[in-house]
């Protein structure tokens, strides 16, 4: 149940709200720890499997199915497999989880019937016995979380705006979107999903809506840029992301490279936290603009550290590629400065 709750959008958003409710008067070390709330993905599946020795044939079969699904999930979660075959990992994880959830129901019914005969009078109905067990209610919560997420599956119109051969901006008009939210979109809802940070739209041309920036980072994004979609599937409730935790700090430094500026636009739109920016944007009149075509690649760690010292910032947030993100986060934390970057293995 706990592992499914950490995949349920409303529950995760609640955790974010609790974390960022910490006032700025609290010690920095506490706020820095609370900002790690976006690491909730570390809660992986640990399904409890009952020993089949005391159950009947039905318990034995369902137990073996559960063990098999659990082994598949564990094997598919290996970092190398996830990185090289992410689409297969996602499908394996999803369908194994669904099979395991359905099998748990069957297993609970079989086990409940066995224990009912051993622990109480056979006159007690199976249904009455089941509702008196914690397993039944745990499965009810787990199943409800799954249904709630997939019950929000909708296909919405998309208004593409091609930015370059490397990026495209997708506009949605079906609802407004507050800052600091992300969304999962797909063209094949049963096979793959892709999460992106949203940007509130407010250009005065009609319904505000929102948009998201898709950069060329793989097969799906490449096809999306080459063949802009007019409709996309959206699942679940919008989810808080990494930059929402920036509200925990009095002042921050934001580092964005390339299309990494996309997720940061929501932060700049909200204007909730004083920050120094290393990118191109008018939100900070002293923003540092670096053109790599004419100036070469900068030492991002050194520049970010310099900005932290100049602005007396409390933390650094970076949206970039995995290699640079790890380098800047490690370098800042080695200097005692809280630093946060996107999690790529999710």
C-alpha atoms as a PDB file:
ATOM      1  CA  UNK A   1       0.000   0.000   0.000  1.00  0.00           C
ATOM      2  CA  UNK A   2       2.774   2.419   0.938  1.00  0.00           C
ATOM      3  CA  UNK A   3       4.591   1.942  -2.373  1.00  0.00           C
ATOM      4  CA  UNK A   4       1.387   2.644  -4.320  1.00  0.00           C
ATOM      5  CA  UNK A   5       0.682   5.746  -2.231  1.00  0.00           C
ATOM      6  CA  UNK A   6       4.047   7.141  -3.294  1.00  0.00           C
ATOM      7  CA  UNK A   7       2.901   6.768  -6.918  1.00  0.00           C
ATOM      8  CA  UNK A   8      -0.420   8.539  -6.255  1.00  0.00           C
ATOM      9  CA  UNK A   9      -0.309  12.181  -7.335  1.00  0.00           C
ATOM     10  CA  UNK A  10      -2.496  13.673  -4.580  1.00  0.00           C
ATOM     11  CA  UNK A  11      -0.543  11.900  -1.840  1.00  0.00           C
ATOM     12  CA  UNK A  12       2.791  13.065  -3.277  1.00  0.00           C
ATOM     13  CA  UNK A  13       1.495  16.639  -3.578  1.00  0.00           C
ATOM     14  CA  UNK A  14       0.437  16.458   0.073  1.00  0.00           C
ATOM     15  CA  UNK A  15       3.999  15.496   1.047  1.00  0.00           C
ATOM     16  CA  UNK A  16       5.331  18.492  -0.891  1.00  0.00           C
ATOM     17  CA  UNK A  17       2.859  20.839   0.818  1.00  0.00           C
ATOM     18  CA  UNK A  18       3.868  19.546   4.246  1.00  0.00           C
ATOM     19  CA  UNK A  19       7.569  19.945   3.427  1.00  0.00           C
ATOM     20  CA  UNK A  20       7.384  23.499   2.030  1.00  0.00           C
ATOM     21  CA  UNK A  21       5.188  24.630   4.934  1.00  0.00           C
ATOM     22  CA  UNK A  22       8.384  24.874   6.978  1.00  0.00           C
ATOM     23  CA  UNK A  23       9.006  28.593   7.671  1.00  0.00           C
ATOM     24  CA  UNK A  24      12.184  30.407   6.593  1.00  0.00           C
ATOM     25  CA  UNK A  25      12.933  31.009  10.275  1.00  0.00           C
ATOM     26  CA  UNK A  26      13.692  27.305  10.675  1.00  0.00           C
ATOM     27  CA  UNK A  27      17.361  26.229  10.602  1.00  0.00           C
ATOM     28  CA  UNK A  28      18.835  25.882   7.131  1.00  0.00           C
ATOM     29  CA  UNK A  29      19.880  22.262   7.767  1.00  0.00           C
ATOM     30  CA  UNK A  30      16.237  21.343   8.421  1.00  0.00           C
ATOM     31  CA  UNK A  31      14.949  23.118   5.307  1.00  0.00           C
ATOM     32  CA  UNK A  32      17.735  21.525   3.238  1.00  0.00           C
ATOM     33  CA  UNK A  33      16.626  18.079   4.406  1.00  0.00           C
ATOM     34  CA  UNK A  34      12.959  18.800   3.715  1.00  0.00           C
ATOM     35  CA  UNK A  35      13.850  19.926   0.183  1.00  0.00           C
ATOM     36  CA  UNK A  36      14.896  16.324  -0.503  1.00  0.00           C
ATOM     37  CA  UNK A  37      11.197  15.388  -0.523  1.00  0.00           C
ATOM     38  CA  UNK A  38      11.411  14.948  -4.307  1.00  0.00           C
ATOM     39  CA  UNK A  39      13.435  11.760  -3.670  1.00  0.00           C
ATOM     40  CA  UNK A  40      10.202   9.929  -2.850  1.00  0.00           C
ATOM     41  CA  UNK A  41      10.871   7.703  -5.905  1.00  0.00           C
ATOM     42  CA  UNK A  42      13.349   5.774  -3.731  1.00  0.00           C
ATOM     43  CA  UNK A  43      10.370   4.035  -2.135  1.00  0.00           C
ATOM     44  CA  UNK A  44      10.318   0.920  -4.276  1.00  0.00           C
ATOM     45  CA  UNK A  45       8.081  -2.115  -4.242  1.00  0.00           C
ATOM     46  CA  UNK A  46       8.394  -4.392  -1.227  1.00  0.00           C
ATOM     47  CA  UNK A  47       5.333  -6.585  -1.496  1.00  0.00           C
ATOM     48  CA  UNK A  48       4.690  -8.903   1.430  1.00  0.00           C
ATOM     49  CA  UNK A  49       4.347 -12.516   0.274  1.00  0.00           C
ATOM     50  CA  UNK A  50       2.713 -14.940   2.637  1.00  0.00           C
ATOM     51  CA  UNK A  51       4.266 -18.359   3.090  1.00  0.00           C
ATOM     52  CA  UNK A  52       2.192 -20.850   1.094  1.00  0.00           C
ATOM     53  CA  UNK A  53       2.970 -23.787   3.339  1.00  0.00           C
ATOM     54  CA  UNK A  54      -0.228 -23.430   5.385  1.00  0.00           C
ATOM     55  CA  UNK A  55      -2.543 -22.616   2.525  1.00  0.00           C
ATOM     56  CA  UNK A  56      -4.273 -24.688  -0.088  1.00  0.00           C
ATOM     57  CA  UNK A  57      -3.537 -25.087  -3.766  1.00  0.00           C
ATOM     58  CA  UNK A  58      -5.008 -21.678  -4.582  1.00  0.00           C
ATOM     59  CA  UNK A  59      -2.685 -20.015  -2.082  1.00  0.00           C
ATOM     60  CA  UNK A  60       0.267 -21.956  -3.474  1.00  0.00           C
ATOM     61  CA  UNK A  61      -0.382 -20.907  -7.077  1.00  0.00           C
ATOM     62  CA  UNK A  62      -1.036 -17.250  -6.266  1.00  0.00           C
ATOM     63  CA  UNK A  63       2.026 -17.135  -4.043  1.00  0.00           C
ATOM     64  CA  UNK A  64       4.256 -18.348  -6.870  1.00  0.00           C
ATOM     65  CA  UNK A  65       2.721 -15.795  -9.221  1.00  0.00           C
ATOM     66  CA  UNK A  66       3.401 -13.030  -6.691  1.00  0.00           C
ATOM     67  CA  UNK A  67       7.003 -14.138  -6.234  1.00  0.00           C
ATOM     68  CA  UNK A  68       7.478 -14.231 -10.016  1.00  0.00           C
ATOM     69  CA  UNK A  69       6.052 -10.717 -10.472  1.00  0.00           C
ATOM     70  CA  UNK A  70       8.161  -9.442  -7.608  1.00  0.00           C
ATOM     71  CA  UNK A  71      11.312 -10.920  -9.176  1.00  0.00           C
ATOM     72  CA  UNK A  72      10.462  -9.361 -12.550  1.00  0.00           C
ATOM     73  CA  UNK A  73       9.999  -5.945 -10.938  1.00  0.00           C
ATOM     74  CA  UNK A  74      13.302  -6.260  -9.071  1.00  0.00           C
ATOM     75  CA  UNK A  75      15.187  -7.412 -12.170  1.00  0.00           C
ATOM     76  CA  UNK A  76      13.730  -4.667 -14.346  1.00  0.00           C
ATOM     77  CA  UNK A  77      14.612  -2.039 -11.740  1.00  0.00           C
ATOM     78  CA  UNK A  78      18.357  -2.604 -12.169  1.00  0.00           C
ATOM     79  CA  UNK A  79      19.871   0.817 -13.009  1.00  0.00           C
ATOM     80  CA  UNK A  80      21.604  -0.407 -16.179  1.00  0.00           C
ATOM     81  CA  UNK A  81      18.438  -2.007 -17.547  1.00  0.00           C
ATOM     82  CA  UNK A  82      16.354   1.047 -16.648  1.00  0.00           C
ATOM     83  CA  UNK A  83      18.786   3.364 -18.385  1.00  0.00           C
ATOM     84  CA  UNK A  84      19.223   1.323 -21.576  1.00  0.00           C
ATOM     85  CA  UNK A  85      15.685  -0.039 -21.946  1.00  0.00           C
ATOM     86  CA  UNK A  86      13.535   2.454 -20.090  1.00  0.00           C
ATOM     87  CA  UNK A  87      10.380   1.791 -22.131  1.00  0.00           C
ATOM     88  CA  UNK A  88      10.637  -1.938 -21.435  1.00  0.00           C
ATOM     89  CA  UNK A  89      11.291  -1.260 -17.751  1.00  0.00           C
ATOM     90  CA  UNK A  90       8.210   0.958 -17.571  1.00  0.00           C
ATOM     91  CA  UNK A  91       5.971  -1.635 -19.231  1.00  0.00           C
ATOM     92  CA  UNK A  92       7.433  -4.475 -17.133  1.00  0.00           C
ATOM     93  CA  UNK A  93       6.965  -2.524 -13.931  1.00  0.00           C
ATOM     94  CA  UNK A  94       3.398  -1.474 -14.786  1.00  0.00           C
ATOM     95  CA  UNK A  95       2.039  -4.809 -15.981  1.00  0.00           C
ATOM     96  CA  UNK A  96       3.818  -6.849 -13.326  1.00  0.00           C
ATOM     97  CA  UNK A  97       2.377  -4.506 -10.713  1.00  0.00           C
ATOM     98  CA  UNK A  98      -1.126  -4.870 -12.112  1.00  0.00           C
ATOM     99  CA  UNK A  99      -0.844  -8.662 -12.222  1.00  0.00           C
ATOM    100  CA  UNK A 100       0.500  -8.660  -8.661  1.00  0.00           C
ATOM    101  CA  UNK A 101      -2.345  -6.445  -7.421  1.00  0.00           C
ATOM    102  CA  UNK A 102      -5.014  -8.680  -8.991  1.00  0.00           C
ATOM    103  CA  UNK A 103      -3.250 -11.785  -7.702  1.00  0.00           C
ATOM    104  CA  UNK A 104      -3.128 -10.291  -4.202  1.00  0.00           C
ATOM    105  CA  UNK A 105      -6.909 -10.037  -4.266  1.00  0.00           C
ATOM    106  CA  UNK A 106      -7.260 -13.692  -5.254  1.00  0.00           C
ATOM    107  CA  UNK A 107      -4.632 -14.688  -2.698  1.00  0.00           C
ATOM    108  CA  UNK A 108      -6.383 -12.723   0.047  1.00  0.00           C
ATOM    109  CA  UNK A 109      -9.709 -14.413  -0.712  1.00  0.00           C
ATOM    110  CA  UNK A 110      -8.167 -17.896  -0.705  1.00  0.00           C
ATOM    111  CA  UNK A 111      -6.165 -17.202   2.459  1.00  0.00           C
ATOM    112  CA  UNK A 112      -9.162 -15.587   4.135  1.00  0.00           C
ATOM    113  CA  UNK A 113     -11.250 -18.650   3.498  1.00  0.00           C
ATOM    114  CA  UNK A 114      -8.527 -20.942   4.920  1.00  0.00           C
ATOM    115  CA  UNK A 115      -8.062 -18.850   8.078  1.00  0.00           C
ATOM    116  CA  UNK A 116     -11.824 -18.426   8.494  1.00  0.00           C
ATOM    117  CA  UNK A 117     -12.159 -22.186   8.727  1.00  0.00           C
ATOM    118  CA  UNK A 118      -9.279 -22.455  11.201  1.00  0.00           C
ATOM    119  CA  UNK A 119      -9.921 -19.421  13.424  1.00  0.00           C
ATOM    120  CA  UNK A 120     -13.679 -19.024  13.590  1.00  0.00           C
ATOM    121  CA  UNK A 121     -16.926 -20.822  13.102  1.00  0.00           C
ATOM    122  CA  UNK A 122     -17.679 -21.811   9.503  1.00  0.00           C
ATOM    123  CA  UNK A 123     -21.004 -20.021   9.971  1.00  0.00           C
ATOM    124  CA  UNK A 124     -19.186 -16.682   9.610  1.00  0.00           C
ATOM    125  CA  UNK A 125     -19.430 -15.666   5.977  1.00  0.00           C
ATOM    126  CA  UNK A 126     -16.271 -15.129   3.945  1.00  0.00           C
ATOM    127  CA  UNK A 127     -17.214 -11.538   3.226  1.00  0.00           C
ATOM    128  CA  UNK A 128     -17.706 -10.703   6.894  1.00  0.00           C
ATOM    129  CA  UNK A 129     -14.394 -12.347   7.754  1.00  0.00           C
ATOM    130  CA  UNK A 130     -12.501 -10.456   5.016  1.00  0.00           C
ATOM    131  CA  UNK A 131     -13.698  -7.007   6.091  1.00  0.00           C
ATOM    132  CA  UNK A 132     -12.378  -7.758   9.583  1.00  0.00           C
ATOM    133  CA  UNK A 133      -8.817  -8.282   8.284  1.00  0.00           C
ATOM    134  CA  UNK A 134      -6.264  -5.490   7.658  1.00  0.00           C
ATOM    135  CA  UNK A 135      -5.179  -7.126   4.386  1.00  0.00           C
ATOM    136  CA  UNK A 136      -8.570  -6.419   2.839  1.00  0.00           C
ATOM    137  CA  UNK A 137      -8.513  -2.702   3.657  1.00  0.00           C
ATOM    138  CA  UNK A 138      -4.889  -2.380   2.615  1.00  0.00           C
ATOM    139  CA  UNK A 139      -5.788  -3.780  -0.792  1.00  0.00           C
ATOM    140  CA  UNK A 140      -8.796  -1.460  -1.003  1.00  0.00           C
ATOM    141  CA  UNK A 141      -6.551   1.574  -0.540  1.00  0.00           C
ATOM    142  CA  UNK A 142      -3.951   0.241  -2.999  1.00  0.00           C
ATOM    143  CA  UNK A 143      -6.558  -0.532  -5.643  1.00  0.00           C
ATOM    144  CA  UNK A 144      -8.255   2.841  -5.162  1.00  0.00           C
ATOM    145  CA  UNK A 145      -4.961   4.655  -5.748  1.00  0.00           C
ATOM    146  CA  UNK A 146      -4.442   2.818  -9.028  1.00  0.00           C
ATOM    147  CA  UNK A 147      -8.005   3.398 -10.216  1.00  0.00           C
ATOM    148  CA  UNK A 148      -7.917   7.071  -9.215  1.00  0.00           C
ATOM    149  CA  UNK A 149      -4.800   7.725 -11.295  1.00  0.00           C
ATOM    150  CA  UNK A 150      -5.923   5.845 -14.392  1.00  0.00           C
ATOM    151  CA  UNK A 151      -9.515   7.030 -13.996  1.00  0.00           C
ATOM    152  CA  UNK A 152      -8.233  10.501 -14.864  1.00  0.00           C
ATOM    153  CA  UNK A 153      -6.921   9.362 -18.234  1.00  0.00           C
ATOM    154  CA  UNK A 154      -8.020  11.907 -20.845  1.00  0.00           C
ATOM    155  CA  UNK A 155      -7.112  12.806 -24.430  1.00  0.00           C
ATOM    156  CA  UNK A 156      -6.698  16.551 -24.924  1.00  0.00           C
ATOM    157  CA  UNK A 157      -6.069  18.859 -27.855  1.00  0.00           C
ATOM    158  CA  UNK A 158      -2.519  20.153 -28.243  1.00  0.00           C
ATOM    159  CA  UNK A 159      -1.344  23.328 -29.976  1.00  0.00           C
ATOM    160  CA  UNK A 160       2.318  22.813 -30.967  1.00  0.00           C
ATOM    161  CA  UNK A 161       4.817  25.631 -31.341  1.00  0.00           C
ATOM    162  CA  UNK A 162       8.049  24.503 -33.006  1.00  0.00           C
ATOM    163  CA  UNK A 163      10.971  26.366 -31.436  1.00  0.00           C
ATOM    164  CA  UNK A 164      13.787  24.695 -33.378  1.00  0.00           C
ATOM    165  CA  UNK A 165      14.848  21.307 -34.681  1.00  0.00           C
ATOM    166  CA  UNK A 166      15.835  20.524 -31.088  1.00  0.00           C
ATOM    167  CA  UNK A 167      12.776  21.683 -29.136  1.00  0.00           C
ATOM    168  CA  UNK A 168       9.036  22.174 -29.361  1.00  0.00           C
ATOM    169  CA  UNK A 169       6.564  23.883 -27.048  1.00  0.00           C
ATOM    170  CA  UNK A 170       3.207  22.159 -26.579  1.00  0.00           C
ATOM    171  CA  UNK A 171       0.269  24.329 -25.492  1.00  0.00           C
ATOM    172  CA  UNK A 172      -2.806  22.964 -23.686  1.00  0.00           C
ATOM    173  CA  UNK A 173      -6.001  24.997 -23.228  1.00  0.00           C
ATOM    174  CA  UNK A 174      -8.257  22.590 -21.321  1.00  0.00           C
ATOM    175  CA  UNK A 175      -7.377  24.072 -17.909  1.00  0.00           C
ATOM    176  CA  UNK A 176      -5.206  26.640 -16.198  1.00  0.00           C
ATOM    177  CA  UNK A 177      -2.128  25.420 -14.393  1.00  0.00           C
ATOM    178  CA  UNK A 178      -0.578  27.014 -11.294  1.00  0.00           C
ATOM    179  CA  UNK A 179       3.225  27.260 -11.135  1.00  0.00           C
ATOM    180  CA  UNK A 180       5.389  24.375  -9.919  1.00  0.00           C
ATOM    181  CA  UNK A 181       3.457  21.491 -11.460  1.00  0.00           C
ATOM    182  CA  UNK A 182       4.435  18.688 -13.825  1.00  0.00           C
ATOM    183  CA  UNK A 183       2.330  16.534 -16.121  1.00  0.00           C
ATOM    184  CA  UNK A 184       2.549  13.062 -17.673  1.00  0.00           C
ATOM    185  CA  UNK A 185       1.756  12.839 -21.384  1.00  0.00           C
ATOM    186  CA  UNK A 186       1.741  10.013 -23.908  1.00  0.00           C
ATOM    187  CA  UNK A 187       0.763   8.962 -27.402  1.00  0.00           C
ATOM    188  CA  UNK A 188       0.495   5.305 -26.307  1.00  0.00           C
ATOM    189  CA  UNK A 189      -0.982   5.325 -22.787  1.00  0.00           C
ATOM    190  CA  UNK A 190      -0.573   1.595 -22.162  1.00  0.00           C
ATOM    191  CA  UNK A 191       3.093   1.526 -23.167  1.00  0.00           C
ATOM    192  CA  UNK A 192       4.975   4.676 -22.181  1.00  0.00           C
ATOM    193  CA  UNK A 193       4.611   7.945 -20.294  1.00  0.00           C
ATOM    194  CA  UNK A 194       6.782  11.056 -20.208  1.00  0.00           C
ATOM    195  CA  UNK A 195       6.758  13.673 -17.453  1.00  0.00           C
ATOM    196  CA  UNK A 196       7.386  17.365 -18.135  1.00  0.00           C
ATOM    197  CA  UNK A 197       7.309  20.543 -16.096  1.00  0.00           C
ATOM    198  CA  UNK A 198       4.452  22.858 -17.022  1.00  0.00           C
ATOM    199  CA  UNK A 199       4.586  26.597 -17.700  1.00  0.00           C
ATOM    200  CA  UNK A 200       1.529  28.808 -17.043  1.00  0.00           C
ATOM    201  CA  UNK A 201       0.387  30.546 -20.258  1.00  0.00           C
ATOM    202  CA  UNK A 202      -0.695  34.153 -19.894  1.00  0.00           C
ATOM    203  CA  UNK A 203      -0.325  35.946 -23.212  1.00  0.00           C
ATOM    204  CA  UNK A 204      -3.733  37.654 -23.262  1.00  0.00           C
ATOM    205  CA  UNK A 205      -4.974  35.728 -26.302  1.00  0.00           C
ATOM    206  CA  UNK A 206      -7.764  33.819 -24.577  1.00  0.00           C
ATOM    207  CA  UNK A 207      -7.916  30.998 -22.052  1.00  0.00           C
ATOM    208  CA  UNK A 208      -4.641  30.947 -20.202  1.00  0.00           C
ATOM    209  CA  UNK A 209      -3.973  27.220 -20.236  1.00  0.00           C
ATOM    210  CA  UNK A 210      -0.409  26.039 -19.901  1.00  0.00           C
ATOM    211  CA  UNK A 211       2.460  24.720 -21.960  1.00  0.00           C
ATOM    212  CA  UNK A 212       5.511  22.509 -21.693  1.00  0.00           C
ATOM    213  CA  UNK A 213       8.818  22.390 -23.541  1.00  0.00           C
ATOM    214  CA  UNK A 214       9.956  19.105 -25.101  1.00  0.00           C
ATOM    215  CA  UNK A 215      13.625  18.879 -26.077  1.00  0.00           C
ATOM    216  CA  UNK A 216      15.252  16.193 -28.198  1.00  0.00           C
ATOM    217  CA  UNK A 217      16.421  13.625 -25.664  1.00  0.00           C
ATOM    218  CA  UNK A 218      15.302  10.302 -27.148  1.00  0.00           C
ATOM    219  CA  UNK A 219      13.139   8.484 -29.666  1.00  0.00           C
ATOM    220  CA  UNK A 220       9.802   9.748 -28.381  1.00  0.00           C
ATOM    221  CA  UNK A 221      10.857  13.385 -28.033  1.00  0.00           C
ATOM    222  CA  UNK A 222      12.551  13.285 -31.437  1.00  0.00           C
ATOM    223  CA  UNK A 223       9.354  12.045 -33.090  1.00  0.00           C
ATOM    224  CA  UNK A 224       7.297  14.638 -31.222  1.00  0.00           C
ATOM    225  CA  UNK A 225       9.482  17.424 -32.589  1.00  0.00           C
ATOM    226  CA  UNK A 226       9.506  16.070 -36.155  1.00  0.00           C
ATOM    227  CA  UNK A 227       5.770  15.243 -36.179  1.00  0.00           C
ATOM    228  CA  UNK A 228       4.029  17.678 -33.799  1.00  0.00           C
ATOM    229  CA  UNK A 229       0.940  16.047 -32.244  1.00  0.00           C
ATOM    230  CA  UNK A 230      -2.517  17.597 -32.214  1.00  0.00           C
ATOM    231  CA  UNK A 231      -3.818  15.387 -29.385  1.00  0.00           C
ATOM    232  CA  UNK A 232      -2.091  13.738 -26.434  1.00  0.00           C
ATOM    233  CA  UNK A 233      -3.119  11.532 -23.556  1.00  0.00           C
ATOM    234  CA  UNK A 234      -2.842  12.986 -20.057  1.00  0.00           C
ATOM    235  CA  UNK A 235      -3.000  10.820 -16.936  1.00  0.00           C
ATOM    236  CA  UNK A 236      -3.391  11.517 -13.250  1.00  0.00           C
ATOM    237  CA  UNK A 237      -3.362  14.792 -11.388  1.00  0.00           C
ATOM    238  CA  UNK A 238      -0.635  17.424 -12.009  1.00  0.00           C
ATOM    239  CA  UNK A 239       2.301  16.673  -9.752  1.00  0.00           C
ATOM    240  CA  UNK A 240       4.633  18.976  -7.824  1.00  0.00           C
ATOM    241  CA  UNK A 241       8.241  18.795  -8.956  1.00  0.00           C
ATOM    242  CA  UNK A 242      11.764  19.580  -7.852  1.00  0.00           C
ATOM    243  CA  UNK A 243      11.543  23.382  -8.099  1.00  0.00           C
ATOM    244  CA  UNK A 244       8.553  23.544  -5.755  1.00  0.00           C
ATOM    245  CA  UNK A 245      10.946  22.943  -2.873  1.00  0.00           C
ATOM    246  CA  UNK A 246      12.728  26.203  -3.739  1.00  0.00           C
ATOM    247  CA  UNK A 247      10.063  27.896  -1.611  1.00  0.00           C
ATOM    248  CA  UNK A 248      11.888  26.547   1.434  1.00  0.00           C
ATOM    249  CA  UNK A 249      14.783  28.956   0.903  1.00  0.00           C
ATOM    250  CA  UNK A 250      15.141  32.703   1.291  1.00  0.00           C
ATOM    251  CA  UNK A 251      17.314  33.068  -1.814  1.00  0.00           C
ATOM    252  CA  UNK A 252      18.545  30.574  -4.406  1.00  0.00           C
ATOM    253  CA  UNK A 253      20.754  30.273  -7.475  1.00  0.00           C
ATOM    254  CA  UNK A 254      19.131  28.664 -10.522  1.00  0.00           C
ATOM    255  CA  UNK A 255      21.359  27.021 -13.139  1.00  0.00           C
ATOM    256  CA  UNK A 256      19.753  26.001 -16.434  1.00  0.00           C
ATOM    257  CA  UNK A 257      21.460  24.814 -19.604  1.00  0.00           C
ATOM    258  CA  UNK A 258      19.896  24.385 -23.033  1.00  0.00           C
ATOM    259  CA  UNK A 259      16.263  23.321 -22.901  1.00  0.00           C
ATOM    260  CA  UNK A 260      16.578  23.081 -19.134  1.00  0.00           C
ATOM    261  CA  UNK A 261      15.217  26.621 -19.103  1.00  0.00           C
ATOM    262  CA  UNK A 262      11.747  25.129 -19.750  1.00  0.00           C
ATOM    263  CA  UNK A 263      11.130  23.693 -16.255  1.00  0.00           C
ATOM    264  CA  UNK A 264      12.542  26.889 -14.711  1.00  0.00           C
ATOM    265  CA  UNK A 265      10.029  29.189 -16.411  1.00  0.00           C
ATOM    266  CA  UNK A 266       7.324  28.143 -13.966  1.00  0.00           C
ATOM    267  CA  UNK A 267       9.569  29.187 -11.074  1.00  0.00           C
ATOM    268  CA  UNK A 268      10.253  32.566 -12.668  1.00  0.00           C
ATOM    269  CA  UNK A 269       6.555  33.057 -13.429  1.00  0.00           C
ATOM    270  CA  UNK A 270       5.624  32.392  -9.792  1.00  0.00           C
ATOM    271  CA  UNK A 271       8.220  34.920  -8.594  1.00  0.00           C
ATOM    272  CA  UNK A 272       8.031  33.321  -5.151  1.00  0.00           C
ATOM    273  CA  UNK A 273      11.730  33.086  -4.249  1.00  0.00           C
ATOM    274  CA  UNK A 274      14.508  35.662  -4.761  1.00  0.00           C
ATOM    275  CA  UNK A 275      17.105  34.087  -7.053  1.00  0.00           C
ATOM    276  CA  UNK A 276      20.128  34.654  -9.230  1.00  0.00           C
ATOM    277  CA  UNK A 277      19.887  33.178 -12.714  1.00  0.00           C
ATOM    278  CA  UNK A 278      22.563  31.685 -14.935  1.00  0.00           C
ATOM    279  CA  UNK A 279      20.722  31.656 -18.240  1.00  0.00           C
ATOM    280  CA  UNK A 280      18.829  34.042 -20.519  1.00  0.00           C
ATOM    281  CA  UNK A 281      15.821  35.684 -18.922  1.00  0.00           C
ATOM    282  CA  UNK A 282      14.594  39.153 -18.019  1.00  0.00           C
ATOM    283  CA  UNK A 283      13.276  38.013 -14.625  1.00  0.00           C
ATOM    284  CA  UNK A 284      16.694  38.842 -13.197  1.00  0.00           C
ATOM    285  CA  UNK A 285      18.175  42.116 -14.525  1.00  0.00           C
ATOM    286  CA  UNK A 286      21.585  40.818 -13.463  1.00  0.00           C
ATOM    287  CA  UNK A 287      21.146  37.414 -15.081  1.00  0.00           C
ATOM    288  CA  UNK A 288      24.375  35.944 -16.404  1.00  0.00           C
ATOM    289  CA  UNK A 289      24.074  35.179 -20.133  1.00  0.00           C
ATOM    290  CA  UNK A 290      26.650  32.799 -21.591  1.00  0.00           C
ATOM    291  CA  UNK A 291      26.739  32.006 -25.291  1.00  0.00           C
ATOM    292  CA  UNK A 292      28.643  28.741 -25.664  1.00  0.00           C
ATOM    293  CA  UNK A 293      29.043  29.272 -29.427  1.00  0.00           C
ATOM    294  CA  UNK A 294      31.206  32.336 -28.910  1.00  0.00           C
ATOM    295  CA  UNK A 295      32.481  31.874 -25.345  1.00  0.00           C
ATOM    296  CA  UNK A 296      32.943  28.110 -25.193  1.00  0.00           C
ATOM    297  CA  UNK A 297      31.738  25.935 -22.365  1.00  0.00           C
ATOM    298  CA  UNK A 298      32.030  27.595 -18.946  1.00  0.00           C
ATOM    299  CA  UNK A 299      33.056  26.075 -15.651  1.00  0.00           C
ATOM    300  CA  UNK A 300      29.506  25.829 -14.358  1.00  0.00           C
ATOM    301  CA  UNK A 301      30.552  24.759 -10.884  1.00  0.00           C
ATOM    302  CA  UNK A 302      32.851  27.732 -10.407  1.00  0.00           C
ATOM    303  CA  UNK A 303      30.345  30.216 -11.798  1.00  0.00           C
ATOM    304  CA  UNK A 304      27.482  28.818  -9.727  1.00  0.00           C
ATOM    305  CA  UNK A 305      29.626  29.010  -6.594  1.00  0.00           C
ATOM    306  CA  UNK A 306      30.541  32.615  -7.420  1.00  0.00           C
ATOM    307  CA  UNK A 307      26.847  33.512  -7.793  1.00  0.00           C
ATOM    308  CA  UNK A 308      26.071  31.859  -4.458  1.00  0.00           C
ATOM    309  CA  UNK A 309      28.713  33.956  -2.740  1.00  0.00           C
ATOM    310  CA  UNK A 310      27.645  37.189  -4.450  1.00  0.00           C
ATOM    311  CA  UNK A 311      23.946  36.723  -3.767  1.00  0.00           C
ATOM    312  CA  UNK A 312      24.375  35.077  -0.340  1.00  0.00           C
ATOM    313  CA  UNK A 313      22.047  32.350  -1.573  1.00  0.00           C
ATOM    314  CA  UNK A 314      21.041  29.413   0.594  1.00  0.00           C
ATOM    315  CA  UNK A 315      20.754  26.747  -2.102  1.00  0.00           C
ATOM    316  CA  UNK A 316      21.397  25.883  -5.750  1.00  0.00           C
ATOM    317  CA  UNK A 317      18.923  24.307  -8.163  1.00  0.00           C
ATOM    318  CA  UNK A 318      20.147  22.963 -11.489  1.00  0.00           C
ATOM    319  CA  UNK A 319      18.222  21.717 -14.517  1.00  0.00           C
ATOM    320  CA  UNK A 320      20.683  20.261 -16.996  1.00  0.00           C
ATOM    321  CA  UNK A 321      22.007  16.993 -18.397  1.00  0.00           C
ATOM    322  CA  UNK A 322      22.796  14.126 -15.962  1.00  0.00           C
ATOM    323  CA  UNK A 323      26.582  14.567 -16.055  1.00  0.00           C
ATOM    324  CA  UNK A 324      26.598  18.289 -15.306  1.00  0.00           C
ATOM    325  CA  UNK A 325      23.807  17.957 -12.757  1.00  0.00           C
ATOM    326  CA  UNK A 326      25.752  15.377 -10.754  1.00  0.00           C
ATOM    327  CA  UNK A 327      28.935  17.464 -10.977  1.00  0.00           C
ATOM    328  CA  UNK A 328      27.328  20.684  -9.751  1.00  0.00           C
ATOM    329  CA  UNK A 329      25.288  19.000  -7.006  1.00  0.00           C
ATOM    330  CA  UNK A 330      28.330  17.107  -5.714  1.00  0.00           C
ATOM    331  CA  UNK A 331      30.556  20.188  -5.930  1.00  0.00           C
ATOM    332  CA  UNK A 332      28.106  22.364  -4.038  1.00  0.00           C
ATOM    333  CA  UNK A 333      27.375  19.818  -1.347  1.00  0.00           C
ATOM    334  CA  UNK A 334      31.124  19.301  -0.905  1.00  0.00           C
ATOM    335  CA  UNK A 335      31.295  23.015  -0.084  1.00  0.00           C
ATOM    336  CA  UNK A 336      28.441  22.743   2.402  1.00  0.00           C
ATOM    337  CA  UNK A 337      25.853  24.352   0.099  1.00  0.00           C
ATOM    338  CA  UNK A 338      22.505  22.565  -0.371  1.00  0.00           C
ATOM    339  CA  UNK A 339      22.120  21.676  -4.072  1.00  0.00           C
ATOM    340  CA  UNK A 340      19.333  19.921  -5.937  1.00  0.00           C
ATOM    341  CA  UNK A 341      19.034  18.527  -9.446  1.00  0.00           C
ATOM    342  CA  UNK A 342      16.552  16.491 -11.403  1.00  0.00           C
ATOM    343  CA  UNK A 343      16.399  12.722 -10.813  1.00  0.00           C
ATOM    344  CA  UNK A 344      16.916  10.995 -14.171  1.00  0.00           C
ATOM    345  CA  UNK A 345      16.492   7.381 -13.015  1.00  0.00           C
ATOM    346  CA  UNK A 346      12.790   7.561 -12.201  1.00  0.00           C
END
